[in-house]
Amino acid sequence: MGDPRRVEFGDFLRSRRERLNPKLLGVANGRRRRTTGLRREEVAELAGIGVDWYIRLEQGGTVNPSATTIDALARALRLSRAEHAHSRRWRAMASIAHSSWKPYRSRSSASSRT
């Protein structure tokens, strides 16, 4: 399984998506709804991001959203200030964790390059 922080953030996004009422947001009803709240495609469209990318983010995949993307998602999901701040903190932690990862190199492979 993936990074527990990413899975937790995906659960957070999903819960916020499911609590929204499509009719109140003016989202066309179109085909039959099998989910409560907005569909993933609708969130992606409202946020101006790719559907596949949003799905990977919600499913805890290894994606690193920019601050602009987090802000767009906060608007699309109608997050409160506290929820938006939580999202930005998660992004900062995910960025640090991603940037601090370095592949292991043994001393012998490092010395053979000199």
N, C-alpha and C. Protein backbone atom coordinates (compact mmCIF):
# COMPACT_ATOMS: atom_id res chain seq x y z
N MET A 1 0.85 -1.19 0.00
CA MET A 1 0.00 0.00 0.00
C MET A 1 0.88 1.24 0.00
N GLY A 2 0.34 2.37 -0.40
CA GLY A 2 1.10 3.60 -0.51
C GLY A 2 1.36 4.27 0.83
N ASP A 3 1.87 5.45 0.74
CA ASP A 3 2.17 6.27 1.91
C ASP A 3 0.87 6.54 2.68
N PRO A 4 0.83 6.22 3.97
CA PRO A 4 -0.40 6.42 4.75
C PRO A 4 -0.88 7.87 4.76
N ARG A 5 0.04 8.83 4.67
CA ARG A 5 -0.38 10.24 4.65
C ARG A 5 -1.13 10.55 3.36
N ARG A 6 -0.68 9.97 2.25
CA ARG A 6 -1.37 10.20 0.98
C ARG A 6 -2.74 9.55 0.97
N VAL A 7 -2.82 8.35 1.54
CA VAL A 7 -4.12 7.66 1.64
C VAL A 7 -5.07 8.46 2.52
N GLU A 8 -4.56 8.97 3.63
CA GLU A 8 -5.38 9.78 4.54
C GLU A 8 -5.87 11.05 3.83
N PHE A 9 -4.99 11.69 3.07
CA PHE A 9 -5.40 12.90 2.34
C PHE A 9 -6.44 12.55 1.28
N GLY A 10 -6.27 11.43 0.60
CA GLY A 10 -7.26 10.98 -0.37
C GLY A 10 -8.61 10.75 0.28
N ASP A 11 -8.61 10.15 1.47
CA ASP A 11 -9.86 9.95 2.21
C ASP A 11 -10.50 11.29 2.56
N PHE A 12 -9.67 12.25 2.93
CA PHE A 12 -10.16 13.60 3.24
C PHE A 12 -10.83 14.21 2.00
N LEU A 13 -10.17 14.14 0.86
CA LEU A 13 -10.75 14.69 -0.38
C LEU A 13 -12.07 14.00 -0.72
N ARG A 14 -12.09 12.68 -0.60
CA ARG A 14 -13.29 11.92 -0.91
C ARG A 14 -14.45 12.33 -0.01
N SER A 15 -14.18 12.48 1.28
CA SER A 15 -15.24 12.85 2.21
C SER A 15 -15.79 14.24 1.89
N ARG A 16 -14.93 15.14 1.47
CA ARG A 16 -15.39 16.49 1.12
C ARG A 16 -16.15 16.49 -0.19
N ARG A 17 -15.75 15.65 -1.12
CA ARG A 17 -16.46 15.54 -2.39
C ARG A 17 -17.86 14.97 -2.18
N GLU A 18 -17.97 13.98 -1.31
CA GLU A 18 -19.24 13.31 -1.09
C GLU A 18 -20.26 14.16 -0.34
N ARG A 19 -19.79 15.15 0.38
CA ARG A 19 -20.73 15.96 1.16
C ARG A 19 -21.38 17.09 0.35
N LEU A 20 -20.87 17.34 -0.87
CA LEU A 20 -21.40 18.42 -1.69
C LEU A 20 -22.67 18.00 -2.44
N ASN A 21 -23.60 18.93 -2.53
CA ASN A 21 -24.85 18.68 -3.23
C ASN A 21 -24.73 19.24 -4.66
N PRO A 22 -24.74 18.36 -5.66
CA PRO A 22 -24.57 18.82 -7.05
C PRO A 22 -25.61 19.86 -7.47
N LYS A 23 -26.84 19.70 -7.02
CA LYS A 23 -27.89 20.64 -7.41
C LYS A 23 -27.60 22.04 -6.90
N LEU A 24 -27.10 22.14 -5.68
CA LEU A 24 -26.79 23.45 -5.11
C LEU A 24 -25.61 24.12 -5.80
N LEU A 25 -24.76 23.31 -6.42
CA LEU A 25 -23.59 23.86 -7.12
C LEU A 25 -23.87 24.12 -8.60
N GLY A 26 -25.08 23.79 -9.04
CA GLY A 26 -25.44 24.02 -10.43
C GLY A 26 -24.82 23.03 -11.39
N VAL A 27 -24.44 21.86 -10.90
CA VAL A 27 -23.86 20.83 -11.75
C VAL A 27 -25.00 20.10 -12.44
N ALA A 28 -24.90 19.98 -13.77
CA ALA A 28 -25.95 19.30 -14.54
C ALA A 28 -26.11 17.86 -14.07
N ASN A 29 -27.35 17.44 -13.94
CA ASN A 29 -27.63 16.10 -13.44
C ASN A 29 -27.22 15.03 -14.43
N GLY A 30 -27.51 15.23 -15.71
CA GLY A 30 -27.08 14.29 -16.74
C GLY A 30 -27.49 12.87 -16.45
N ARG A 31 -26.51 11.98 -16.46
CA ARG A 31 -26.79 10.56 -16.25
C ARG A 31 -27.08 10.25 -14.78
N ARG A 32 -27.57 9.06 -14.54
CA ARG A 32 -27.96 8.62 -13.20
C ARG A 32 -26.76 8.68 -12.24
N ARG A 33 -27.00 9.14 -11.04
CA ARG A 33 -25.94 9.24 -10.03
C ARG A 33 -25.88 7.97 -9.20
N ARG A 34 -24.68 7.43 -9.09
CA ARG A 34 -24.48 6.27 -8.23
C ARG A 34 -23.67 6.63 -7.00
N THR A 35 -23.37 7.90 -6.85
CA THR A 35 -22.58 8.36 -5.71
C THR A 35 -23.27 9.55 -5.06
N THR A 36 -23.05 9.69 -3.76
CA THR A 36 -23.53 10.90 -3.11
C THR A 36 -22.54 12.00 -3.41
N GLY A 37 -23.01 13.19 -3.51
CA GLY A 37 -22.12 14.32 -3.77
C GLY A 37 -21.68 14.39 -5.22
N LEU A 38 -20.55 15.04 -5.42
CA LEU A 38 -20.02 15.22 -6.77
C LEU A 38 -19.27 13.98 -7.24
N ARG A 39 -19.23 13.81 -8.54
CA ARG A 39 -18.38 12.78 -9.14
C ARG A 39 -16.96 13.32 -9.19
N ARG A 40 -16.01 12.41 -9.28
CA ARG A 40 -14.60 12.84 -9.39
C ARG A 40 -14.39 13.73 -10.61
N GLU A 41 -15.04 13.38 -11.70
CA GLU A 41 -14.90 14.16 -12.93
C GLU A 41 -15.37 15.60 -12.73
N GLU A 42 -16.44 15.75 -11.94
CA GLU A 42 -16.99 17.08 -11.70
C GLU A 42 -16.06 17.92 -10.84
N VAL A 43 -15.44 17.29 -9.85
CA VAL A 43 -14.47 18.01 -9.01
C VAL A 43 -13.29 18.46 -9.86
N ALA A 44 -12.78 17.55 -10.68
CA ALA A 44 -11.64 17.88 -11.54
C ALA A 44 -11.99 19.05 -12.46
N GLU A 45 -13.18 19.01 -13.04
CA GLU A 45 -13.59 20.09 -13.94
C GLU A 45 -13.71 21.41 -13.19
N LEU A 46 -14.33 21.39 -12.01
CA LEU A 46 -14.47 22.62 -11.23
C LEU A 46 -13.11 23.18 -10.80
N ALA A 47 -12.16 22.29 -10.55
CA ALA A 47 -10.82 22.72 -10.11
C ALA A 47 -9.91 23.04 -11.29
N GLY A 48 -10.29 22.64 -12.49
CA GLY A 48 -9.45 22.90 -13.65
C GLY A 48 -8.23 22.00 -13.73
N ILE A 49 -8.38 20.76 -13.26
CA ILE A 49 -7.27 19.80 -13.32
C ILE A 49 -7.74 18.56 -14.06
N GLY A 50 -6.81 17.71 -14.43
CA GLY A 50 -7.13 16.49 -15.15
C GLY A 50 -7.85 15.48 -14.27
N VAL A 51 -8.78 14.77 -14.87
CA VAL A 51 -9.56 13.77 -14.14
C VAL A 51 -8.67 12.65 -13.62
N ASP A 52 -7.82 12.10 -14.48
CA ASP A 52 -6.94 11.01 -14.05
C ASP A 52 -6.03 11.45 -12.92
N TRP A 53 -5.55 12.67 -13.00
CA TRP A 53 -4.66 13.19 -11.97
C TRP A 53 -5.41 13.30 -10.64
N TYR A 54 -6.64 13.83 -10.68
CA TYR A 54 -7.44 13.95 -9.45
C TYR A 54 -7.73 12.57 -8.86
N ILE A 55 -8.05 11.61 -9.71
CA ILE A 55 -8.32 10.25 -9.23
C ILE A 55 -7.11 9.69 -8.52
N ARG A 56 -5.92 9.85 -9.10
CA ARG A 56 -4.69 9.37 -8.44
C ARG A 56 -4.48 10.06 -7.10
N LEU A 57 -4.76 11.34 -7.04
CA LEU A 57 -4.61 12.08 -5.78
C LEU A 57 -5.59 11.55 -4.74
N GLU A 58 -6.84 11.34 -5.13
CA GLU A 58 -7.85 10.86 -4.18
C GLU A 58 -7.58 9.41 -3.76
N GLN A 59 -6.96 8.64 -4.62
CA GLN A 59 -6.68 7.24 -4.29
C GLN A 59 -5.34 7.06 -3.58
N GLY A 60 -4.70 8.16 -3.23
CA GLY A 60 -3.45 8.07 -2.46
C GLY A 60 -2.23 7.82 -3.31
N GLY A 61 -2.31 8.09 -4.59
CA GLY A 61 -1.17 7.87 -5.49
C GLY A 61 -0.05 8.86 -5.24
N THR A 62 1.08 8.58 -5.83
CA THR A 62 2.25 9.44 -5.67
C THR A 62 2.19 10.58 -6.66
N VAL A 63 1.45 11.61 -6.27
CA VAL A 63 1.37 12.85 -7.05
C VAL A 63 1.68 13.99 -6.10
N ASN A 64 2.25 15.04 -6.62
CA ASN A 64 2.64 16.18 -5.79
C ASN A 64 1.97 17.45 -6.31
N PRO A 65 0.80 17.76 -5.76
CA PRO A 65 0.08 18.94 -6.25
C PRO A 65 0.78 20.23 -5.87
N SER A 66 0.68 21.19 -6.74
CA SER A 66 1.23 22.52 -6.46
C SER A 66 0.30 23.25 -5.49
N ALA A 67 0.77 24.34 -4.94
CA ALA A 67 -0.06 25.16 -4.06
C ALA A 67 -1.27 25.69 -4.83
N THR A 68 -1.07 26.01 -6.10
CA THR A 68 -2.17 26.50 -6.94
C THR A 68 -3.24 25.42 -7.10
N THR A 69 -2.82 24.18 -7.27
CA THR A 69 -3.76 23.07 -7.41
C THR A 69 -4.53 22.85 -6.11
N ILE A 70 -3.83 22.92 -4.98
CA ILE A 70 -4.50 22.78 -3.68
C ILE A 70 -5.53 23.88 -3.51
N ASP A 71 -5.19 25.10 -3.89
CA ASP A 71 -6.13 26.22 -3.79
C ASP A 71 -7.35 25.99 -4.69
N ALA A 72 -7.12 25.49 -5.89
CA ALA A 72 -8.23 25.22 -6.82
C ALA A 72 -9.13 24.11 -6.27
N LEU A 73 -8.54 23.08 -5.69
CA LEU A 73 -9.34 22.02 -5.08
C LEU A 73 -10.14 22.55 -3.89
N ALA A 74 -9.53 23.43 -3.11
CA ALA A 74 -10.23 24.01 -1.96
C ALA A 74 -11.46 24.78 -2.43
N ARG A 75 -11.33 25.52 -3.53
CA ARG A 75 -12.49 26.24 -4.07
C ARG A 75 -13.53 25.27 -4.60
N ALA A 76 -13.09 24.28 -5.37
CA ALA A 76 -14.03 23.33 -5.98
C ALA A 76 -14.79 22.53 -4.92
N LEU A 77 -14.10 22.17 -3.84
CA LEU A 77 -14.72 21.35 -2.78
C LEU A 77 -15.37 22.19 -1.69
N ARG A 78 -15.31 23.52 -1.86
CA ARG A 78 -15.90 24.45 -0.89
C ARG A 78 -15.36 24.20 0.52
N LEU A 79 -14.02 24.08 0.61
CA LEU A 79 -13.39 23.82 1.90
C LEU A 79 -13.46 25.06 2.80
N SER A 80 -13.56 24.81 4.09
CA SER A 80 -13.48 25.90 5.06
C SER A 80 -12.03 26.37 5.13
N ARG A 81 -11.81 27.46 5.83
CA ARG A 81 -10.42 27.95 5.99
C ARG A 81 -9.55 26.91 6.68
N ALA A 82 -10.10 26.27 7.71
CA ALA A 82 -9.34 25.26 8.44
C ALA A 82 -9.02 24.06 7.55
N GLU A 83 -9.98 23.64 6.73
CA GLU A 83 -9.75 22.52 5.82
C GLU A 83 -8.73 22.88 4.74
N HIS A 84 -8.81 24.10 4.26
CA HIS A 84 -7.86 24.57 3.25
C HIS A 84 -6.46 24.60 3.87
N ALA A 85 -6.34 25.10 5.08
CA ALA A 85 -5.05 25.13 5.77
C ALA A 85 -4.51 23.71 5.96
N HIS A 86 -5.39 22.78 6.31
CA HIS A 86 -5.00 21.37 6.47
C HIS A 86 -4.43 20.84 5.15
N SER A 87 -5.09 21.16 4.05
CA SER A 87 -4.64 20.71 2.73
C SER A 87 -3.26 21.27 2.39
N ARG A 88 -3.06 22.53 2.71
CA ARG A 88 -1.76 23.15 2.43
C ARG A 88 -0.65 22.55 3.31
N ARG A 89 -0.98 22.24 4.56
CA ARG A 89 0.01 21.59 5.43
C ARG A 89 0.36 20.20 4.90
N TRP A 90 -0.66 19.47 4.43
CA TRP A 90 -0.41 18.15 3.88
C TRP A 90 0.53 18.26 2.67
N ARG A 91 0.26 19.24 1.82
CA ARG A 91 1.10 19.43 0.63
C ARG A 91 2.55 19.70 1.02
N ALA A 92 2.73 20.55 2.03
CA ALA A 92 4.09 20.87 2.48
C ALA A 92 4.79 19.61 3.00
N MET A 93 4.08 18.80 3.79
CA MET A 93 4.68 17.58 4.32
C MET A 93 4.99 16.59 3.20
N ALA A 94 4.09 16.46 2.24
CA ALA A 94 4.31 15.54 1.12
C ALA A 94 5.50 15.98 0.28
N SER A 95 5.64 17.29 0.08
CA SER A 95 6.76 17.80 -0.70
C SER A 95 8.09 17.54 0.00
N ILE A 96 8.12 17.73 1.29
CA ILE A 96 9.34 17.48 2.06
C ILE A 96 9.69 16.01 2.01
N ALA A 97 8.70 15.15 2.22
CA ALA A 97 8.95 13.71 2.20
C ALA A 97 9.45 13.26 0.84
N HIS A 98 8.87 13.82 -0.23
CA HIS A 98 9.26 13.44 -1.59
C HIS A 98 10.66 13.94 -1.90
N SER A 99 10.99 15.16 -1.51
CA SER A 99 12.29 15.72 -1.86
C SER A 99 13.42 15.14 -1.02
N SER A 100 13.09 14.60 0.17
CA SER A 100 14.16 14.06 1.01
C SER A 100 14.52 12.63 0.64
N TRP A 101 13.72 11.99 -0.22
CA TRP A 101 14.02 10.63 -0.63
C TRP A 101 15.16 10.64 -1.62
N LYS A 102 16.14 9.79 -1.37
CA LYS A 102 17.26 9.65 -2.28
C LYS A 102 17.54 8.16 -2.44
N PRO A 103 17.81 7.72 -3.63
CA PRO A 103 18.10 6.29 -3.81
C PRO A 103 19.38 5.91 -3.08
N TYR A 104 19.43 4.70 -2.59
CA TYR A 104 20.60 4.21 -1.88
C TYR A 104 21.72 3.95 -2.87
N ARG A 105 22.90 4.45 -2.52
CA ARG A 105 24.09 4.16 -3.31
C ARG A 105 25.15 3.64 -2.37
N SER A 106 25.63 2.47 -2.65
CA SER A 106 26.67 1.91 -1.80
C SER A 106 27.97 2.67 -2.01
N ARG A 107 28.89 2.52 -1.07
CA ARG A 107 30.17 3.21 -1.18
C ARG A 107 30.94 2.74 -2.41
N SER A 108 30.81 1.46 -2.72
CA SER A 108 31.57 0.95 -3.87
C SER A 108 31.08 1.56 -5.18
N SER A 109 29.76 1.75 -5.32
CA SER A 109 29.28 2.36 -6.57
C SER A 109 29.61 3.84 -6.62
N ALA A 110 29.65 4.50 -5.45
CA ALA A 110 30.00 5.92 -5.41
C ALA A 110 31.48 6.11 -5.73
N SER A 111 32.34 5.22 -5.20
CA SER A 111 33.78 5.38 -5.43
C SER A 111 34.18 4.99 -6.84
N SER A 112 33.38 4.11 -7.48
CA SER A 112 33.73 3.70 -8.84
C SER A 112 33.49 4.82 -9.85
N ARG A 113 32.74 5.84 -9.46
CA ARG A 113 32.46 6.95 -10.37
C ARG A 113 33.55 8.02 -10.31
N THR A 114 34.46 7.92 -9.39
CA THR A 114 35.50 8.95 -9.28
C THR A 114 36.75 8.61 -10.04
